């Protein structure tokens, strides 16, 4: 299994991996491997816009993985 940190912008990469039978675990929110990108451990999705973006990203990735595993 490959752990990937990020949202919908990873959809093409995740699709490619899943099509080849490689399981993917996508992480949203707290992303420890990306801590330096965000300038430290920070809570993500605190305001309504960020929260909605995280929900949309999660739904896109869930749908993508579900379609290829079914």
Protein backbone atom coordinates (compact mmCIF):
# COMPACT_ATOMS: atom_id res chain seq x y z
CA UNK A 1 0.00 0.00 0.00
CA UNK A 2 1.18 3.48 -0.87
CA UNK A 3 0.32 6.37 1.45
CA UNK A 4 -0.16 9.65 -0.39
CA UNK A 5 -0.73 13.00 1.23
CA UNK A 6 -2.92 15.38 -0.68
CA UNK A 7 -6.27 15.88 -2.29
CA UNK A 8 -7.94 15.76 -5.65
CA UNK A 9 -4.81 17.05 -7.37
CA UNK A 10 -3.45 13.49 -6.89
CA UNK A 11 -6.39 11.89 -8.72
CA UNK A 12 -4.48 11.03 -11.91
CA UNK A 13 -1.62 9.46 -9.95
CA UNK A 14 -3.97 7.49 -7.69
CA UNK A 15 -6.02 6.34 -10.68
CA UNK A 16 -2.89 5.08 -12.39
CA UNK A 17 -1.74 3.18 -9.30
CA UNK A 18 -5.15 1.65 -8.57
CA UNK A 19 -5.57 0.56 -12.21
CA UNK A 20 -2.35 -1.40 -11.79
CA UNK A 21 -3.57 -3.11 -8.65
CA UNK A 22 -1.56 -1.03 -6.19
CA UNK A 23 -3.61 -0.06 -3.13
CA UNK A 24 -3.51 3.59 -2.13
CA UNK A 25 -4.28 5.28 1.18
CA UNK A 26 -4.81 9.00 0.67
CA UNK A 27 -4.39 11.27 3.67
CA UNK A 28 -6.07 14.64 4.05
CA UNK A 29 -5.73 17.08 6.92
CA UNK A 30 -2.75 16.26 9.12
CA UNK A 31 -0.03 15.32 6.66
CA UNK A 32 3.20 14.64 8.58
CA UNK A 33 5.38 14.05 5.52
CA UNK A 34 4.39 17.49 4.23
CA UNK A 35 4.96 19.29 7.53
CA UNK A 36 7.69 21.51 6.08
CA UNK A 37 5.49 22.57 3.16
CA UNK A 38 2.88 23.94 5.56
CA UNK A 39 5.39 25.46 7.98
CA UNK A 40 4.74 23.03 10.83
CA UNK A 41 1.88 20.93 12.12
CA UNK A 42 -1.21 23.03 11.52
CA UNK A 43 -4.88 22.22 11.67
CA UNK A 44 -6.32 22.11 8.16
CA UNK A 45 -9.90 22.92 7.20
CA UNK A 46 -10.62 25.39 9.97
CA UNK A 47 -12.73 27.77 7.93
CA UNK A 48 -15.77 26.84 5.86
CA UNK A 49 -14.02 27.16 2.50
CA UNK A 50 -11.08 24.95 3.51
CA UNK A 51 -13.43 22.44 5.15
CA UNK A 52 -15.58 22.19 2.02
CA UNK A 53 -12.46 21.74 -0.13
CA UNK A 54 -11.29 18.88 2.09
CA UNK A 55 -14.71 17.23 1.90
CA UNK A 56 -14.76 17.56 -1.90
CA UNK A 57 -11.23 16.15 -2.14
CA UNK A 58 -12.18 13.21 0.07
CA UNK A 59 -15.28 12.48 -2.02
CA UNK A 60 -13.33 12.61 -5.28
CA UNK A 61 -10.66 10.24 -3.99
CA UNK A 62 -13.21 7.91 -2.41
CA UNK A 63 -15.17 7.74 -5.68
CA UNK A 64 -12.01 7.18 -7.72
CA UNK A 65 -10.77 4.29 -5.59
CA UNK A 66 -14.23 2.74 -5.28
CA UNK A 67 -14.77 2.72 -9.05
CA UNK A 68 -11.54 0.85 -9.67
CA UNK A 69 -11.80 -1.61 -6.78
CA UNK A 70 -15.39 -2.64 -7.47
